[in-house]
Amino acid sequence: MHIHAYSWLGEKELFDREALRRPPDRPHPPVTAEDEEHYRTLLETFRHSELPPLETSLWLLKTPALIRATFEEPKDAAAWLGRELTEHAPGFLSHQEADTARQARLVTTATTRLTHGTDVSFGFYLGRTSFLSLALVTCTPNHWTPSLPCPSLGDRVVRRGQGQAKASDWYRSHR
């Protein structure tokens, strides 16, 4: 297992547009060539959008360019989280969220959760209209969605508990 780190900072109004944060559903049969092309266009739009997905594990569907860092050890991933929290804390809208003791507890909790193979996702208001999303996503396999391929492996074969899968196969069969 390894862990990918993701972050997003933007307008809360954009973050609240949930339709932009979920992958498209596959078209229902009978499927025309236009339906399939429309689906692929929507999927590529989702994959390249920097907006955080509604489900943390779906970061793995996103383009590898959005990965901020990759870690082998949970404590190293949690340390990244701690650095991000420290960097952005002066802008947190809530003084409680900026509290260093609270941030230390979040880092400790993240280490524990990652050690058990669980994803970590936190969000914070910065000012009145901005929002910061930080996520640490376990990979190969992901606890919640083990069929998701590692985004940094592309079409190379990745090992799964039930055989093997290619990233392109997952995208073709998604939903």
C-alpha atoms as a PDB file:
ATOM      1  CA  MET A   1       0.000   0.000   0.000  1.00  0.00           C
ATOM      2  CA  HIS A   2       1.022   3.578  -0.613  1.00  0.00           C
ATOM      3  CA  ILE A   3      -0.728   6.890  -0.021  1.00  0.00           C
ATOM      4  CA  HIS A   4      -1.443   9.762  -2.401  1.00  0.00           C
ATOM      5  CA  ALA A   5      -1.885  13.304  -1.068  1.00  0.00           C
ATOM      6  CA  TYR A   6      -4.340  15.731  -2.672  1.00  0.00           C
ATOM      7  CA  SER A   7      -5.271  19.328  -1.922  1.00  0.00           C
ATOM      8  CA  TRP A   8      -7.668  21.872  -3.355  1.00  0.00           C
ATOM      9  CA  LEU A   9      -8.206  25.518  -2.467  1.00  0.00           C
ATOM     10  CA  GLY A  10     -11.019  27.431  -4.115  1.00  0.00           C
ATOM     11  CA  GLU A  11     -14.373  29.072  -3.853  1.00  0.00           C
ATOM     12  CA  LYS A  12     -16.828  27.290  -1.543  1.00  0.00           C
ATOM     13  CA  GLU A  13     -19.605  28.020  -4.061  1.00  0.00           C
ATOM     14  CA  LEU A  14     -17.786  25.893  -6.644  1.00  0.00           C
ATOM     15  CA  PHE A  15     -17.086  23.162  -4.070  1.00  0.00           C
ATOM     16  CA  ASP A  16     -20.821  23.040  -3.304  1.00  0.00           C
ATOM     17  CA  ARG A  17     -21.715  22.169  -6.912  1.00  0.00           C
ATOM     18  CA  GLU A  18     -21.958  18.443  -6.231  1.00  0.00           C
ATOM     19  CA  ALA A  19     -22.750  17.418  -9.806  1.00  0.00           C
ATOM     20  CA  LEU A  20     -19.243  18.526 -10.787  1.00  0.00           C
ATOM     21  CA  ARG A  21     -17.749  16.382  -8.012  1.00  0.00           C
ATOM     22  CA  ARG A  22     -19.107  12.992  -9.031  1.00  0.00           C
ATOM     23  CA  PRO A  23     -18.174  10.784 -11.977  1.00  0.00           C
ATOM     24  CA  PRO A  24     -20.822  10.374 -14.655  1.00  0.00           C
ATOM     25  CA  ASP A  25     -23.110   7.365 -14.758  1.00  0.00           C
ATOM     26  CA  ARG A  26     -22.687   5.031 -17.686  1.00  0.00           C
ATOM     27  CA  PRO A  27     -25.497   5.374 -20.230  1.00  0.00           C
ATOM     28  CA  HIS A  28     -28.332   2.862 -20.001  1.00  0.00           C
ATOM     29  CA  PRO A  29     -28.880   0.388 -22.864  1.00  0.00           C
ATOM     30  CA  PRO A  30     -29.430   0.638 -25.681  1.00  0.00           C
ATOM     31  CA  VAL A  31     -26.234   2.690 -25.932  1.00  0.00           C
ATOM     32  CA  THR A  32     -25.517   4.634 -29.095  1.00  0.00           C
ATOM     33  CA  ALA A  33     -22.108   5.808 -30.249  1.00  0.00           C
ATOM     34  CA  GLU A  34     -23.156   9.345 -29.282  1.00  0.00           C
ATOM     35  CA  ASP A  35     -24.099   8.156 -25.777  1.00  0.00           C
ATOM     36  CA  GLU A  36     -20.716   6.494 -25.339  1.00  0.00           C
ATOM     37  CA  GLU A  37     -18.851   9.550 -26.646  1.00  0.00           C
ATOM     38  CA  HIS A  38     -20.839  11.844 -24.337  1.00  0.00           C
ATOM     39  CA  TYR A  39     -20.047   9.579 -21.375  1.00  0.00           C
ATOM     40  CA  ARG A  40     -16.324   9.538 -22.211  1.00  0.00           C
ATOM     41  CA  THR A  41     -16.294  13.324 -22.504  1.00  0.00           C
ATOM     42  CA  LEU A  42     -17.975  13.694 -19.102  1.00  0.00           C
ATOM     43  CA  LEU A  43     -15.581  11.176 -17.541  1.00  0.00           C
ATOM     44  CA  GLU A  44     -12.535  13.002 -18.920  1.00  0.00           C
ATOM     45  CA  THR A  45     -13.952  16.292 -17.635  1.00  0.00           C
ATOM     46  CA  PHE A  46     -14.356  14.729 -14.188  1.00  0.00           C
ATOM     47  CA  ARG A  47     -10.871  13.198 -14.284  1.00  0.00           C
ATOM     48  CA  HIS A  48      -9.196  16.511 -15.102  1.00  0.00           C
ATOM     49  CA  SER A  49     -11.251  18.693 -12.774  1.00  0.00           C
ATOM     50  CA  GLU A  50      -9.312  19.805  -9.715  1.00  0.00           C
ATOM     51  CA  LEU A  51     -12.489  19.788  -7.620  1.00  0.00           C
ATOM     52  CA  PRO A  52     -12.433  17.170  -4.855  1.00  0.00           C
ATOM     53  CA  PRO A  53     -14.720  14.214  -5.582  1.00  0.00           C
ATOM     54  CA  LEU A  54     -17.669  13.532  -3.287  1.00  0.00           C
ATOM     55  CA  GLU A  55     -16.121  10.207  -2.248  1.00  0.00           C
ATOM     56  CA  THR A  56     -12.524  10.478  -1.073  1.00  0.00           C
ATOM     57  CA  SER A  57     -11.442   7.244  -2.791  1.00  0.00           C
ATOM     58  CA  LEU A  58     -12.529   8.659  -6.165  1.00  0.00           C
ATOM     59  CA  TRP A  59      -9.473  10.922  -6.152  1.00  0.00           C
ATOM     60  CA  LEU A  60      -7.855   7.803  -7.632  1.00  0.00           C
ATOM     61  CA  LEU A  61      -9.899   8.345 -10.808  1.00  0.00           C
ATOM     62  CA  LYS A  62      -8.388  11.784 -11.262  1.00  0.00           C
ATOM     63  CA  THR A  63      -5.400  12.565 -13.442  1.00  0.00           C
ATOM     64  CA  PRO A  64      -2.022  11.832 -11.778  1.00  0.00           C
ATOM     65  CA  ALA A  65      -1.095  15.513 -12.218  1.00  0.00           C
ATOM     66  CA  LEU A  66      -3.349  16.287  -9.219  1.00  0.00           C
ATOM     67  CA  ILE A  67      -1.286  14.122  -6.841  1.00  0.00           C
ATOM     68  CA  ARG A  68       0.619  16.515  -4.560  1.00  0.00           C
ATOM     69  CA  ALA A  69       2.833  13.813  -3.036  1.00  0.00           C
ATOM     70  CA  THR A  70       3.032  10.039  -2.584  1.00  0.00           C
ATOM     71  CA  PHE A  71       4.119   8.292   0.584  1.00  0.00           C
ATOM     72  CA  GLU A  72       4.949   4.722   1.559  1.00  0.00           C
ATOM     73  CA  GLU A  73       4.536   5.317   5.289  1.00  0.00           C
ATOM     74  CA  PRO A  74       1.398   6.609   7.046  1.00  0.00           C
ATOM     75  CA  LYS A  75       3.469   8.770   9.405  1.00  0.00           C
ATOM     76  CA  ASP A  76       5.072  10.552   6.439  1.00  0.00           C
ATOM     77  CA  ALA A  77       1.673  11.187   4.838  1.00  0.00           C
ATOM     78  CA  ALA A  78       0.337  12.509   8.144  1.00  0.00           C
ATOM     79  CA  ALA A  79       3.395  14.776   8.432  1.00  0.00           C
ATOM     80  CA  TRP A  80       2.463  16.248   5.015  1.00  0.00           C
ATOM     81  CA  LEU A  81      -1.023  16.888   6.383  1.00  0.00           C
ATOM     82  CA  GLY A  82       0.520  18.617   9.410  1.00  0.00           C
ATOM     83  CA  ARG A  83       2.615  20.884   7.181  1.00  0.00           C
ATOM     84  CA  GLU A  84      -0.453  21.796   5.109  1.00  0.00           C
ATOM     85  CA  LEU A  85      -2.459  22.565   8.242  1.00  0.00           C
ATOM     86  CA  THR A  86       0.336  24.738   9.627  1.00  0.00           C
ATOM     87  CA  GLU A  87       0.693  26.606   6.339  1.00  0.00           C
ATOM     88  CA  HIS A  88      -3.016  27.395   6.013  1.00  0.00           C
ATOM     89  CA  ALA A  89      -3.960  27.783   9.713  1.00  0.00           C
ATOM     90  CA  PRO A  90      -3.535  31.586   9.772  1.00  0.00           C
ATOM     91  CA  GLY A  91      -6.361  31.832   7.228  1.00  0.00           C
ATOM     92  CA  PHE A  92      -8.807  29.426   8.909  1.00  0.00           C
ATOM     93  CA  LEU A  93     -12.137  31.113   9.566  1.00  0.00           C
ATOM     94  CA  SER A  94     -12.508  29.266  12.870  1.00  0.00           C
ATOM     95  CA  HIS A  95      -9.981  29.933  15.627  1.00  0.00           C
ATOM     96  CA  GLN A  96     -10.697  26.425  16.954  1.00  0.00           C
ATOM     97  CA  GLU A  97      -9.512  24.873  13.667  1.00  0.00           C
ATOM     98  CA  ALA A  98      -6.342  26.959  13.808  1.00  0.00           C
ATOM     99  CA  ASP A  99      -5.519  25.680  17.315  1.00  0.00           C
ATOM    100  CA  THR A 100      -2.179  23.844  17.205  1.00  0.00           C
ATOM    101  CA  ALA A 101      -3.303  21.214  19.733  1.00  0.00           C
ATOM    102  CA  ARG A 102      -6.319  20.397  17.561  1.00  0.00           C
ATOM    103  CA  GLN A 103      -4.121  20.180  14.493  1.00  0.00           C
ATOM    104  CA  ALA A 104      -1.780  17.801  16.316  1.00  0.00           C
ATOM    105  CA  ARG A 105      -4.780  15.590  17.158  1.00  0.00           C
ATOM    106  CA  LEU A 106      -5.832  15.576  13.484  1.00  0.00           C
ATOM    107  CA  VAL A 107      -2.340  14.462  12.450  1.00  0.00           C
ATOM    108  CA  THR A 108      -2.333  11.710  15.089  1.00  0.00           C
ATOM    109  CA  THR A 109      -5.785  10.555  13.991  1.00  0.00           C
ATOM    110  CA  ALA A 110      -4.673  10.589  10.343  1.00  0.00           C
ATOM    111  CA  THR A 111      -1.661   8.417  11.149  1.00  0.00           C
ATOM    112  CA  THR A 112      -3.879   5.870  12.903  1.00  0.00           C
ATOM    113  CA  ARG A 113      -6.486   5.790  10.141  1.00  0.00           C
ATOM    114  CA  LEU A 114      -3.879   5.479   7.388  1.00  0.00           C
ATOM    115  CA  THR A 115      -2.115   2.692   9.292  1.00  0.00           C
ATOM    116  CA  HIS A 116      -5.396   0.776   9.140  1.00  0.00           C
ATOM    117  CA  GLY A 117      -5.760   1.448   5.406  1.00  0.00           C
ATOM    118  CA  THR A 118      -8.491   4.075   5.689  1.00  0.00           C
ATOM    119  CA  ASP A 119      -8.553   7.320   3.707  1.00  0.00           C
ATOM    120  CA  VAL A 120      -8.387  10.715   5.404  1.00  0.00           C
ATOM    121  CA  SER A 121     -10.196  13.843   4.245  1.00  0.00           C
ATOM    122  CA  PHE A 122     -10.537  17.235   5.932  1.00  0.00           C
ATOM    123  CA  GLY A 123     -12.068  20.534   4.869  1.00  0.00           C
ATOM    124  CA  PHE A 124     -11.655  24.049   6.229  1.00  0.00           C
ATOM    125  CA  TYR A 125     -13.127  27.459   5.521  1.00  0.00           C
ATOM    126  CA  LEU A 126     -10.542  30.094   4.713  1.00  0.00           C
ATOM    127  CA  GLY A 127     -12.176  33.465   5.023  1.00  0.00           C
ATOM    128  CA  ARG A 128     -15.864  33.664   4.201  1.00  0.00           C
ATOM    129  CA  THR A 129     -15.916  32.250   0.688  1.00  0.00           C
ATOM    130  CA  SER A 130     -12.855  30.032   0.265  1.00  0.00           C
ATOM    131  CA  PHE A 131     -12.530  26.370   1.150  1.00  0.00           C
ATOM    132  CA  LEU A 132      -9.498  24.117   1.607  1.00  0.00           C
ATOM    133  CA  SER A 133      -9.804  20.386   1.026  1.00  0.00           C
ATOM    134  CA  LEU A 134      -6.980  18.028   2.071  1.00  0.00           C
ATOM    135  CA  ALA A 135      -7.074  14.295   1.384  1.00  0.00           C
ATOM    136  CA  LEU A 136      -4.797  11.311   1.897  1.00  0.00           C
ATOM    137  CA  VAL A 137      -5.931   8.338  -0.174  1.00  0.00           C
ATOM    138  CA  THR A 138      -4.684   4.791   0.280  1.00  0.00           C
ATOM    139  CA  CYS A 139      -3.798   3.051  -2.932  1.00  0.00           C
ATOM    140  CA  THR A 140      -3.164  -0.427  -4.290  1.00  0.00           C
ATOM    141  CA  PRO A 141      -5.615  -1.345  -2.970  1.00  0.00           C
ATOM    142  CA  ASN A 142      -7.943   1.306  -1.619  1.00  0.00           C
ATOM    143  CA  HIS A 143      -9.946   0.058   1.380  1.00  0.00           C
ATOM    144  CA  TRP A 144     -13.313   1.453   0.202  1.00  0.00           C
ATOM    145  CA  THR A 145     -12.934   0.878  -3.532  1.00  0.00           C
ATOM    146  CA  PRO A 146     -10.357  -1.892  -4.069  1.00  0.00           C
ATOM    147  CA  SER A 147     -11.111  -2.141  -7.799  1.00  0.00           C
ATOM    148  CA  LEU A 148      -9.771   1.364  -8.470  1.00  0.00           C
ATOM    149  CA  PRO A 149      -6.390   1.323 -10.208  1.00  0.00           C
ATOM    150  CA  CYS A 150      -3.491   3.461  -9.063  1.00  0.00           C
ATOM    151  CA  PRO A 151      -3.571   6.713 -11.053  1.00  0.00           C
ATOM    152  CA  SER A 152       0.216   6.936 -11.193  1.00  0.00           C
ATOM    153  CA  LEU A 153       0.533   3.521 -12.883  1.00  0.00           C
ATOM    154  CA  GLY A 154      -1.506   4.436 -15.969  1.00  0.00           C
ATOM    155  CA  ASP A 155      -2.228   1.357 -18.087  1.00  0.00           C
ATOM    156  CA  ARG A 156       0.421  -0.777 -16.445  1.00  0.00           C
ATOM    157  CA  VAL A 157      -0.967  -3.847 -14.738  1.00  0.00           C
ATOM    158  CA  VAL A 158      -1.577  -3.457 -11.006  1.00  0.00           C
ATOM    159  CA  ARG A 159      -2.038  -6.358  -8.629  1.00  0.00           C
ATOM    160  CA  ARG A 160      -5.388  -6.793  -6.925  1.00  0.00           C
ATOM    161  CA  GLY A 161      -6.648  -9.214  -4.327  1.00  0.00           C
ATOM    162  CA  GLN A 162      -8.840 -10.895  -6.974  1.00  0.00           C
ATOM    163  CA  GLY A 163      -6.415 -11.102  -9.891  1.00  0.00           C
ATOM    164  CA  GLN A 164      -5.198  -8.118 -11.889  1.00  0.00           C
ATOM    165  CA  ALA A 165      -6.694  -5.045 -13.517  1.00  0.00           C
ATOM    166  CA  LYS A 166      -5.577  -2.337 -15.910  1.00  0.00           C
ATOM    167  CA  ALA A 167      -6.572   1.278 -15.376  1.00  0.00           C
ATOM    168  CA  SER A 168      -8.118   1.490 -18.842  1.00  0.00           C
ATOM    169  CA  ASP A 169     -10.289  -1.568 -18.060  1.00  0.00           C
ATOM    170  CA  TRP A 170     -11.635   0.093 -14.945  1.00  0.00           C
ATOM    171  CA  TYR A 171     -12.524   3.286 -16.831  1.00  0.00           C
ATOM    172  CA  ARG A 172     -14.337   1.283 -19.511  1.00  0.00           C
ATOM    173  CA  SER A 173     -16.379  -0.648 -16.970  1.00  0.00           C
ATOM    174  CA  HIS A 174     -16.973   2.208 -14.528  1.00  0.00           C
ATOM    175  CA  ARG A 175     -20.602   2.401 -13.438  1.00  0.00           C
END
